[in-house]
Amino acid sequence: MDITLLYFEDCPNWKVADQRLAALAAERTDMRVTRHLVETPEEAERTRFHGSPSVLVEGVDVFAEPGSEVGLSCRRYLTPDGYEGAPTLNQLRAVLADA
C-alpha cells in the first residue's frame, strides 16, 4: 500500500502525521510511506493539496471533505478530542483498514 504525505515546511503539523505514519508502517509490512514537499501555489493546485498535512492512500486524499479548498495552508482534522493538526493513530488505522 502506497501512502504519500503531502506537506509544506511552514506548517509544523506534518511532523506529527509523519511520526504517526511511521508508527503504522512499523506495524504493517505492506505499507510504504513517501513524503512530498509542496512548495508553490501552482504545485498545490496541480496536486490538489488540501493543506498540510495531507495523507494520500494510493493517490487518494482519504480525509478530503467535499468542496474543501486547495492551497498552502495548515489543515485541521476533527478528532474525538476536537480539532487537531493531524489525524489520530486510530483515524489513520481506520482509513488504512478500508483501503
PDB file of N, CA and C in Angstrom:
ATOM      1  N   MET A   1       0.844  -1.164   0.000  1.00  0.00           N
ATOM      2  CA  MET A   1       0.000   0.000   0.000  1.00  0.00           C
ATOM      3  C   MET A   1       0.892   1.230   0.000  1.00  0.00           C
ATOM      4  N   ASP A   2       0.643   2.124  -0.956  1.00  0.00           N
ATOM      5  CA  ASP A   2       1.436   3.350  -1.068  1.00  0.00           C
ATOM      6  C   ASP A   2       0.728   4.507  -0.382  1.00  0.00           C
ATOM      7  N   ILE A   3       1.429   5.102   0.575  1.00  0.00           N
ATOM      8  CA  ILE A   3       0.939   6.255   1.313  1.00  0.00           C
ATOM      9  C   ILE A   3       1.857   7.426   0.985  1.00  0.00           C
ATOM     10  N   THR A   4       1.257   8.568   0.660  1.00  0.00           N
ATOM     11  CA  THR A   4       2.029   9.776   0.418  1.00  0.00           C
ATOM     12  C   THR A   4       1.597  10.833   1.420  1.00  0.00           C
ATOM     13  N   LEU A   5       2.568  11.419   2.067  1.00  0.00           N
ATOM     14  CA  LEU A   5       2.322  12.528   2.988  1.00  0.00           C
ATOM     15  C   LEU A   5       2.700  13.806   2.267  1.00  0.00           C
ATOM     16  N   LEU A   6       1.687  14.612   1.929  1.00  0.00           N
ATOM     17  CA  LEU A   6       1.922  15.914   1.316  1.00  0.00           C
ATOM     18  C   LEU A   6       2.030  16.946   2.434  1.00  0.00           C
ATOM     19  N   TYR A   7       2.993  17.851   2.324  1.00  0.00           N
ATOM     20  CA  TYR A   7       3.192  18.849   3.373  1.00  0.00           C
ATOM     21  C   TYR A   7       3.888  20.071   2.815  1.00  0.00           C
ATOM     22  N   PHE A   8       3.887  21.147   3.609  1.00  0.00           N
ATOM     23  CA  PHE A   8       4.769  22.268   3.307  1.00  0.00           C
ATOM     24  C   PHE A   8       5.446  22.704   4.596  1.00  0.00           C
ATOM     25  N   GLU A   9       6.629  23.232   4.458  1.00  0.00           N
ATOM     26  CA  GLU A   9       7.522  23.480   5.596  1.00  0.00           C
ATOM     27  C   GLU A   9       6.950  24.421   6.648  1.00  0.00           C
ATOM     28  N   ASP A  10       6.129  25.387   6.255  1.00  0.00           N
ATOM     29  CA  ASP A  10       5.644  26.381   7.208  1.00  0.00           C
ATOM     30  C   ASP A  10       4.590  25.854   8.168  1.00  0.00           C
ATOM     31  N   CYS A  11       4.171  24.619   8.019  1.00  0.00           N
ATOM     32  CA  CYS A  11       3.176  24.043   8.915  1.00  0.00           C
ATOM     33  C   CYS A  11       3.820  22.899   9.704  1.00  0.00           C
ATOM     34  N   PRO A  12       3.970  23.049  11.012  1.00  0.00           N
ATOM     35  CA  PRO A  12       4.663  22.019  11.798  1.00  0.00           C
ATOM     36  C   PRO A  12       3.867  20.733  12.001  1.00  0.00           C
ATOM     37  N   ASN A  13       2.569  20.750  11.703  1.00  0.00           N
ATOM     38  CA  ASN A  13       1.731  19.579  11.963  1.00  0.00           C
ATOM     39  C   ASN A  13       2.094  18.359  11.115  1.00  0.00           C
ATOM     40  N   TRP A  14       2.773  18.576  10.006  1.00  0.00           N
ATOM     41  CA  TRP A  14       3.126  17.441   9.160  1.00  0.00           C
ATOM     42  C   TRP A  14       4.061  16.479   9.899  1.00  0.00           C
ATOM     43  N   LYS A  15       4.861  17.002  10.822  1.00  0.00           N
ATOM     44  CA  LYS A  15       5.792  16.140  11.557  1.00  0.00           C
ATOM     45  C   LYS A  15       5.052  15.175  12.468  1.00  0.00           C
ATOM     46  N   VAL A  16       3.930  15.604  13.038  1.00  0.00           N
ATOM     47  CA  VAL A  16       3.099  14.716  13.871  1.00  0.00           C
ATOM     48  C   VAL A  16       2.515  13.609  13.000  1.00  0.00           C
ATOM     49  N   ALA A  17       1.969  13.985  11.844  1.00  0.00           N
ATOM     50  CA  ALA A  17       1.414  12.990  10.926  1.00  0.00           C
ATOM     51  C   ALA A  17       2.495  12.018  10.466  1.00  0.00           C
ATOM     52  N   ASP A  18       3.680  12.533  10.186  1.00  0.00           N
ATOM     53  CA  ASP A  18       4.794  11.697   9.753  1.00  0.00           C
ATOM     54  C   ASP A  18       5.159  10.674  10.827  1.00  0.00           C
ATOM     55  N   GLN A  19       5.212  11.102  12.081  1.00  0.00           N
ATOM     56  CA  GLN A  19       5.520  10.175  13.183  1.00  0.00           C
ATOM     57  C   GLN A  19       4.449   9.096  13.313  1.00  0.00           C
ATOM     58  N   ARG A  20       3.194   9.484  13.173  1.00  0.00           N
ATOM     59  CA  ARG A  20       2.107   8.511  13.281  1.00  0.00           C
ATOM     60  C   ARG A  20       2.120   7.524  12.121  1.00  0.00           C
ATOM     61  N   LEU A  21       2.402   8.014  10.936  1.00  0.00           N
ATOM     62  CA  LEU A  21       2.508   7.104   9.791  1.00  0.00           C
ATOM     63  C   LEU A  21       3.704   6.169   9.935  1.00  0.00           C
ATOM     64  N   ALA A  22       4.807   6.655  10.472  1.00  0.00           N
ATOM     65  CA  ALA A  22       5.982   5.806  10.706  1.00  0.00           C
ATOM     66  C   ALA A  22       5.649   4.702  11.705  1.00  0.00           C
ATOM     67  N   ALA A  23       4.879   5.033  12.737  1.00  0.00           N
ATOM     68  CA  ALA A  23       4.476   4.023  13.720  1.00  0.00           C
ATOM     69  C   ALA A  23       3.615   2.948  13.059  1.00  0.00           C
ATOM     70  N   LEU A  24       2.713   3.360  12.185  1.00  0.00           N
ATOM     71  CA  LEU A  24       1.870   2.386  11.489  1.00  0.00           C
ATOM     72  C   LEU A  24       2.674   1.555  10.499  1.00  0.00           C
ATOM     73  N   ALA A  25       3.624   2.182   9.831  1.00  0.00           N
ATOM     74  CA  ALA A  25       4.466   1.452   8.875  1.00  0.00           C
ATOM     75  C   ALA A  25       5.300   0.393   9.587  1.00  0.00           C
ATOM     76  N   ALA A  26       5.662   0.648  10.834  1.00  0.00           N
ATOM     77  CA  ALA A  26       6.416  -0.339  11.611  1.00  0.00           C
ATOM     78  C   ALA A  26       5.546  -1.556  11.934  1.00  0.00           C
ATOM     79  N   GLU A  27       4.245  -1.357  11.988  1.00  0.00           N
ATOM     80  CA  GLU A  27       3.309  -2.447  12.264  1.00  0.00           C
ATOM     81  C   GLU A  27       2.918  -3.227  11.009  1.00  0.00           C
ATOM     82  N   ARG A  28       3.001  -2.567   9.865  1.00  0.00           N
ATOM     83  CA  ARG A  28       2.491  -3.148   8.614  1.00  0.00           C
ATOM     84  C   ARG A  28       3.601  -3.263   7.583  1.00  0.00           C
ATOM     85  N   THR A  29       3.875  -4.459   7.142  1.00  0.00           N
ATOM     86  CA  THR A  29       4.921  -4.661   6.139  1.00  0.00           C
ATOM     87  C   THR A  29       4.448  -4.309   4.729  1.00  0.00           C
ATOM     88  N   ASP A  30       3.139  -4.149   4.530  1.00  0.00           N
ATOM     89  CA  ASP A  30       2.605  -3.842   3.203  1.00  0.00           C
ATOM     90  C   ASP A  30       2.496  -2.339   2.935  1.00  0.00           C
ATOM     91  N   MET A  31       2.982  -1.529   3.834  1.00  0.00           N
ATOM     92  CA  MET A  31       2.805  -0.088   3.752  1.00  0.00           C
ATOM     93  C   MET A  31       4.125   0.612   3.452  1.00  0.00           C
ATOM     94  N   ARG A  32       4.101   1.470   2.437  1.00  0.00           N
ATOM     95  CA  ARG A  32       5.274   2.266   2.084  1.00  0.00           C
ATOM     96  C   ARG A  32       4.892   3.736   2.134  1.00  0.00           C
ATOM     97  N   VAL A  33       5.609   4.518   2.917  1.00  0.00           N
ATOM     98  CA  VAL A  33       5.308   5.940   3.084  1.00  0.00           C
ATOM     99  C   VAL A  33       6.358   6.775   2.364  1.00  0.00           C
ATOM    100  N   THR A  34       5.887   7.702   1.541  1.00  0.00           N
ATOM    101  CA  THR A  34       6.769   8.680   0.915  1.00  0.00           C
ATOM    102  C   THR A  34       6.290  10.071   1.321  1.00  0.00           C
ATOM    103  N   ARG A  35       7.207  11.001   1.310  1.00  0.00           N
ATOM    104  CA  ARG A  35       6.891  12.380   1.651  1.00  0.00           C
ATOM    105  C   ARG A  35       7.053  13.254   0.418  1.00  0.00           C
ATOM    106  N   HIS A  36       6.122  14.205   0.280  1.00  0.00           N
ATOM    107  CA  HIS A  36       6.171  15.105  -0.873  1.00  0.00           C
ATOM    108  C   HIS A  36       6.004  16.533  -0.383  1.00  0.00           C
ATOM    109  N   LEU A  37       7.047  17.329  -0.526  1.00  0.00           N
ATOM    110  CA  LEU A  37       7.038  18.731  -0.131  1.00  0.00           C
ATOM    111  C   LEU A  37       6.355  19.551  -1.222  1.00  0.00           C
ATOM    112  N   VAL A  38       5.288  20.254  -0.857  1.00  0.00           N
ATOM    113  CA  VAL A  38       4.580  21.143  -1.778  1.00  0.00           C
ATOM    114  C   VAL A  38       5.107  22.555  -1.512  1.00  0.00           C
ATOM    115  N   GLU A  39       5.657  23.182  -2.550  1.00  0.00           N
ATOM    116  CA  GLU A  39       6.373  24.445  -2.328  1.00  0.00           C
ATOM    117  C   GLU A  39       5.714  25.682  -2.920  1.00  0.00           C
ATOM    118  N   THR A  40       4.828  25.525  -3.890  1.00  0.00           N
ATOM    119  CA  THR A  40       4.248  26.690  -4.544  1.00  0.00           C
ATOM    120  C   THR A  40       2.728  26.549  -4.642  1.00  0.00           C
ATOM    121  N   PRO A  41       2.023  27.682  -4.784  1.00  0.00           N
ATOM    122  CA  PRO A  41       0.576  27.602  -5.006  1.00  0.00           C
ATOM    123  C   PRO A  41       0.215  26.807  -6.266  1.00  0.00           C
ATOM    124  N   GLU A  42       1.048  26.912  -7.281  1.00  0.00           N
ATOM    125  CA  GLU A  42       0.803  26.169  -8.521  1.00  0.00           C
ATOM    126  C   GLU A  42       0.893  24.660  -8.291  1.00  0.00           C
ATOM    127  N   GLU A  43       1.889  24.254  -7.512  1.00  0.00           N
ATOM    128  CA  GLU A  43       2.025  22.833  -7.187  1.00  0.00           C
ATOM    129  C   GLU A  43       0.869  22.370  -6.308  1.00  0.00           C
ATOM    130  N   ALA A  44       0.407  23.231  -5.409  1.00  0.00           N
ATOM    131  CA  ALA A  44      -0.748  22.899  -4.574  1.00  0.00           C
ATOM    132  C   ALA A  44      -1.975  22.643  -5.448  1.00  0.00           C
ATOM    133  N   GLU A  45      -2.176  23.476  -6.459  1.00  0.00           N
ATOM    134  CA  GLU A  45      -3.294  23.271  -7.394  1.00  0.00           C
ATOM    135  C   GLU A  45      -3.120  21.967  -8.166  1.00  0.00           C
ATOM    136  N   ARG A  46      -1.923  21.745  -8.679  1.00  0.00           N
ATOM    137  CA  ARG A  46      -1.658  20.563  -9.505  1.00  0.00           C
ATOM    138  C   ARG A  46      -1.839  19.259  -8.723  1.00  0.00           C
ATOM    139  N   THR A  47      -1.436  19.248  -7.454  1.00  0.00           N
ATOM    140  CA  THR A  47      -1.516  18.032  -6.642  1.00  0.00           C
ATOM    141  C   THR A  47      -2.824  17.933  -5.861  1.00  0.00           C
ATOM    142  N   ARG A  48      -3.691  18.965  -5.997  1.00  0.00           N
ATOM    143  CA  ARG A  48      -4.960  19.016  -5.248  1.00  0.00           C
ATOM    144  C   ARG A  48      -4.669  18.948  -3.755  1.00  0.00           C
ATOM    145  N   PHE A  49      -3.736  19.784  -3.307  1.00  0.00           N
ATOM    146  CA  PHE A  49      -3.247  19.829  -1.936  1.00  0.00           C
ATOM    147  C   PHE A  49      -4.244  20.576  -1.063  1.00  0.00           C
ATOM    148  N   HIS A  50      -4.888  19.861  -0.150  1.00  0.00           N
ATOM    149  CA  HIS A  50      -5.915  20.429   0.719  1.00  0.00           C
ATOM    150  C   HIS A  50      -5.339  20.944   2.034  1.00  0.00           C
ATOM    151  N   GLY A  51      -4.051  21.145   2.089  1.00  0.00           N
ATOM    152  CA  GLY A  51      -3.410  21.665   3.286  1.00  0.00           C
ATOM    153  C   GLY A  51      -2.481  20.651   3.910  1.00  0.00           C
ATOM    154  N   SER A  52      -1.620  21.162   4.768  1.00  0.00           N
ATOM    155  CA  SER A  52      -0.578  20.348   5.398  1.00  0.00           C
ATOM    156  C   SER A  52      -0.996  19.945   6.803  1.00  0.00           C
ATOM    157  N   PRO A  53      -0.900  18.662   7.079  1.00  0.00           N
ATOM    158  CA  PRO A  53      -0.512  17.541   6.238  1.00  0.00           C
ATOM    159  C   PRO A  53      -1.718  16.946   5.521  1.00  0.00           C
ATOM    160  N   SER A  54      -1.487  16.385   4.347  1.00  0.00           N
ATOM    161  CA  SER A  54      -2.498  15.621   3.627  1.00  0.00           C
ATOM    162  C   SER A  54      -1.980  14.200   3.460  1.00  0.00           C
ATOM    163  N   VAL A  55      -2.853  13.235   3.689  1.00  0.00           N
ATOM    164  CA  VAL A  55      -2.489  11.826   3.597  1.00  0.00           C
ATOM    165  C   VAL A  55      -3.191  11.218   2.388  1.00  0.00           C
ATOM    166  N   LEU A  56      -2.390  10.750   1.437  1.00  0.00           N
ATOM    167  CA  LEU A  56      -2.940  10.085   0.255  1.00  0.00           C
ATOM    168  C   LEU A  56      -2.710   8.586   0.380  1.00  0.00           C
ATOM    169  N   VAL A  57      -3.752   7.827   0.160  1.00  0.00           N
ATOM    170  CA  VAL A  57      -3.657   6.366   0.124  1.00  0.00           C
ATOM    171  C   VAL A  57      -3.904   5.959  -1.315  1.00  0.00           C
ATOM    172  N   GLU A  58      -2.883   5.378  -1.942  1.00  0.00           N
ATOM    173  CA  GLU A  58      -2.950   5.004  -3.353  1.00  0.00           C
ATOM    174  C   GLU A  58      -3.405   6.203  -4.197  1.00  0.00           C
ATOM    175  N   GLY A  59      -2.890   7.396  -3.852  1.00  0.00           N
ATOM    176  CA  GLY A  59      -3.158   8.597  -4.621  1.00  0.00           C
ATOM    177  C   GLY A  59      -4.434   9.350  -4.269  1.00  0.00           C
ATOM    178  N   VAL A  60      -5.212   8.861  -3.312  1.00  0.00           N
ATOM    179  CA  VAL A  60      -6.481   9.489  -2.938  1.00  0.00           C
ATOM    180  C   VAL A  60      -6.352  10.133  -1.561  1.00  0.00           C
ATOM    181  N   ASP A  61      -6.754  11.399  -1.461  1.00  0.00           N
ATOM    182  CA  ASP A  61      -6.752  12.101  -0.174  1.00  0.00           C
ATOM    183  C   ASP A  61      -7.928  11.552   0.633  1.00  0.00           C
ATOM    184  N   VAL A  62      -7.621  10.688   1.580  1.00  0.00           N
ATOM    185  CA  VAL A  62      -8.653   9.938   2.298  1.00  0.00           C
ATOM    186  C   VAL A  62      -9.393  10.772   3.346  1.00  0.00           C
ATOM    187  N   PHE A  63      -8.940  11.975   3.609  1.00  0.00           N
ATOM    188  CA  PHE A  63      -9.608  12.840   4.578  1.00  0.00           C
ATOM    189  C   PHE A  63     -10.212  14.090   3.929  1.00  0.00           C
ATOM    190  N   ALA A  64     -10.178  14.190   2.608  1.00  0.00           N
ATOM    191  CA  ALA A  64     -10.684  15.381   1.920  1.00  0.00           C
ATOM    192  C   ALA A  64     -12.199  15.485   2.071  1.00  0.00           C
ATOM    193  N   GLU A  65     -12.637  16.671   2.429  1.00  0.00           N
ATOM    194  CA  GLU A  65     -14.066  16.966   2.530  1.00  0.00           C
ATOM    195  C   GLU A  65     -14.536  17.497   1.180  1.00  0.00           C
ATOM    196  N   PRO A  66     -15.749  17.158   0.767  1.00  0.00           N
ATOM    197  CA  PRO A  66     -16.256  17.721  -0.493  1.00  0.00           C
ATOM    198  C   PRO A  66     -16.222  19.248  -0.460  1.00  0.00           C
ATOM    199  N   GLY A  67     -15.706  19.832  -1.519  1.00  0.00           N
ATOM    200  CA  GLY A  67     -15.653  21.277  -1.618  1.00  0.00           C
ATOM    201  C   GLY A  67     -14.523  21.949  -0.850  1.00  0.00           C
ATOM    202  N   SER A  68     -13.639  21.147  -0.231  1.00  0.00           N
ATOM    203  CA  SER A  68     -12.545  21.763   0.521  1.00  0.00           C
ATOM    204  C   SER A  68     -11.577  22.463  -0.434  1.00  0.00           C
ATOM    205  N   GLU A  69     -11.026  23.557   0.042  1.00  0.00           N
ATOM    206  CA  GLU A  69     -10.158  24.377  -0.792  1.00  0.00           C
ATOM    207  C   GLU A  69      -8.765  23.771  -0.925  1.00  0.00           C
ATOM    208  N   VAL A  70      -8.108  24.169  -1.981  1.00  0.00           N
ATOM    209  CA  VAL A  70      -6.754  23.732  -2.279  1.00  0.00           C
ATOM    210  C   VAL A  70      -5.817  24.906  -2.039  1.00  0.00           C
ATOM    211  N   GLY A  71      -4.649  24.647  -1.434  1.00  0.00           N
ATOM    212  CA  GLY A  71      -3.680  25.715  -1.261  1.00  0.00           C
ATOM    213  C   GLY A  71      -2.684  25.428  -0.157  1.00  0.00           C
ATOM    214  N   LEU A  72      -1.760  26.343   0.008  1.00  0.00           N
ATOM    215  CA  LEU A  72      -0.720  26.230   1.025  1.00  0.00           C
ATOM    216  C   LEU A  72      -1.265  26.740   2.350  1.00  0.00           C
ATOM    217  N   SER A  73      -1.745  25.835   3.159  1.00  0.00           N
ATOM    218  CA  SER A  73      -2.304  26.188   4.465  1.00  0.00           C
ATOM    219  C   SER A  73      -2.117  25.009   5.412  1.00  0.00           C
ATOM    220  N   CYS A  74      -2.261  25.285   6.702  1.00  0.00           N
ATOM    221  CA  CYS A  74      -2.276  24.202   7.673  1.00  0.00           C
ATOM    222  C   CYS A  74      -3.683  23.614   7.684  1.00  0.00           C
ATOM    223  N   ARG A  75      -3.749  22.333   7.747  1.00  0.00           N
ATOM    224  CA  ARG A  75      -5.021  21.624   7.707  1.00  0.00           C
ATOM    225  C   ARG A  75      -5.447  21.253   9.115  1.00  0.00           C
ATOM    226  N   ARG A  76      -6.752  21.196   9.346  1.00  0.00           N
ATOM    227  CA  ARG A  76      -7.308  20.813  10.642  1.00  0.00           C
ATOM    228  C   ARG A  76      -8.127  19.539  10.459  1.00  0.00           C
ATOM    229  N   TYR A  77      -8.019  18.640  11.421  1.00  0.00           N
ATOM    230  CA  TYR A  77      -8.741  17.366  11.396  1.00  0.00           C
ATOM    231  C   TYR A  77      -9.644  17.279  12.616  1.00  0.00           C
ATOM    232  N   LEU A  78     -10.887  16.905  12.396  1.00  0.00           N
ATOM    233  CA  LEU A  78     -11.803  16.683  13.503  1.00  0.00           C
ATOM    234  C   LEU A  78     -11.498  15.315  14.093  1.00  0.00           C
ATOM    235  N   THR A  79     -11.125  15.294  15.359  1.00  0.00           N
ATOM    236  CA  THR A  79     -10.806  14.049  16.065  1.00  0.00           C
ATOM    237  C   THR A  79     -11.804  13.886  17.210  1.00  0.00           C
ATOM    238  N   PRO A  80     -11.815  12.740  17.867  1.00  0.00           N
ATOM    239  CA  PRO A  80     -12.704  12.570  19.020  1.00  0.00           C
ATOM    240  C   PRO A  80     -12.459  13.598  20.128  1.00  0.00           C
ATOM    241  N   ASP A  81     -11.255  14.186  20.172  1.00  0.00           N
ATOM    242  CA  ASP A  81     -10.928  15.181  21.197  1.00  0.00           C
ATOM    243  C   ASP A  81     -11.027  16.617  20.691  1.00  0.00           C
ATOM    244  N   GLY A  82     -11.630  16.811  19.544  1.00  0.00           N
ATOM    245  CA  GLY A  82     -11.722  18.148  18.955  1.00  0.00           C
ATOM    246  C   GLY A  82     -10.794  18.271  17.752  1.00  0.00           C
ATOM    247  N   TYR A  83     -10.593  19.493  17.297  1.00  0.00           N
ATOM    248  CA  TYR A  83      -9.743  19.702  16.121  1.00  0.00           C
ATOM    249  C   TYR A  83      -8.271  19.622  16.490  1.00  0.00           C
ATOM    250  N   GLU A  84      -7.527  18.920  15.624  1.00  0.00           N
ATOM    251  CA  GLU A  84      -6.074  18.794  15.773  1.00  0.00           C
ATOM    252  C   GLU A  84      -5.427  19.022  14.412  1.00  0.00           C
ATOM    253  N   GLY A  85      -4.119  19.133  14.424  1.00  0.00           N
ATOM    254  CA  GLY A  85      -3.379  19.386  13.196  1.00  0.00           C
ATOM    255  C   GLY A  85      -3.053  18.150  12.383  1.00  0.00           C
ATOM    256  N   ALA A  86      -3.399  16.970  12.885  1.00  0.00           N
ATOM    257  CA  ALA A  86      -3.126  15.722  12.174  1.00  0.00           C
ATOM    258  C   ALA A  86      -4.154  14.676  12.615  1.00  0.00           C
ATOM    259  N   PRO A  87      -4.446  13.714  11.743  1.00  0.00           N
ATOM    260  CA  PRO A  87      -5.351  12.642  12.156  1.00  0.00           C
ATOM    261  C   PRO A  87      -4.717  11.810  13.273  1.00  0.00           C
ATOM    262  N   THR A  88      -5.550  11.232  14.121  1.00  0.00           N
ATOM    263  CA  THR A  88      -5.050  10.375  15.195  1.00  0.00           C
ATOM    264  C   THR A  88      -4.587   9.037  14.625  1.00  0.00           C
ATOM    265  N   LEU A  89      -3.853   8.295  15.437  1.00  0.00           N
ATOM    266  CA  LEU A  89      -3.444   6.946  15.023  1.00  0.00           C
ATOM    267  C   LEU A  89      -4.662   6.096  14.677  1.00  0.00           C
ATOM    268  N   ASN A  90      -5.709   6.169  15.493  1.00  0.00           N
ATOM    269  CA  ASN A  90      -6.907   5.361  15.234  1.00  0.00           C
ATOM    270  C   ASN A  90      -7.603   5.784  13.947  1.00  0.00           C
ATOM    271  N   GLN A  91      -7.639   7.084  13.658  1.00  0.00           N
ATOM    272  CA  GLN A  91      -8.232   7.531  12.404  1.00  0.00           C
ATOM    273  C   GLN A  91      -7.423   7.032  11.199  1.00  0.00           C
ATOM    274  N   LEU A  92      -6.104   7.075  11.324  1.00  0.00           N
ATOM    275  CA  LEU A  92      -5.253   6.561  10.241  1.00  0.00           C
ATOM    276  C   LEU A  92      -5.429   5.056  10.085  1.00  0.00           C
ATOM    277  N   ARG A  93      -5.475   4.325  11.191  1.00  0.00           N
ATOM    278  CA  ARG A  93      -5.706   2.882  11.121  1.00  0.00           C
ATOM    279  C   ARG A  93      -7.019   2.567  10.399  1.00  0.00           C
ATOM    280  N   ALA A  94      -8.058   3.333  10.718  1.00  0.00           N
ATOM    281  CA  ALA A  94      -9.379   3.086  10.134  1.00  0.00           C
ATOM    282  C   ALA A  94      -9.361   3.286   8.616  1.00  0.00           C
ATOM    283  N   VAL A  95      -8.747   4.377   8.142  1.00  0.00           N
ATOM    284  CA  VAL A  95      -8.732   4.587   6.685  1.00  0.00           C
ATOM    285  C   VAL A  95      -7.844   3.580   5.975  1.00  0.00           C
ATOM    286  N   LEU A  96      -6.791   3.124   6.644  1.00  0.00           N
ATOM    287  CA  LEU A  96      -5.922   2.122   6.019  1.00  0.00           C
ATOM    288  C   LEU A  96      -6.609   0.749   5.987  1.00  0.00           C
ATOM    289  N   ALA A  97      -7.409   0.466   6.982  1.00  0.00           N
ATOM    290  CA  ALA A  97      -8.146  -0.806   7.003  1.00  0.00           C
ATOM    291  C   ALA A  97      -9.181  -0.840   5.892  1.00  0.00           C
ATOM    292  N   ASP A  98      -9.727   0.324   5.544  1.00  0.00           N
ATOM    293  CA  ASP A  98     -10.743   0.407   4.487  1.00  0.00           C
ATOM    294  C   ASP A  98     -10.127   0.461   3.094  1.00  0.00           C
ATOM    295  N   ALA A  99      -8.826   0.684   3.010  1.00  0.00           N
ATOM    296  CA  ALA A  99      -8.176   0.840   1.698  1.00  0.00           C
ATOM    297  C   ALA A  99      -7.942  -0.502   1.019  1.00  0.00           C
TER     298      ALA A  99
END
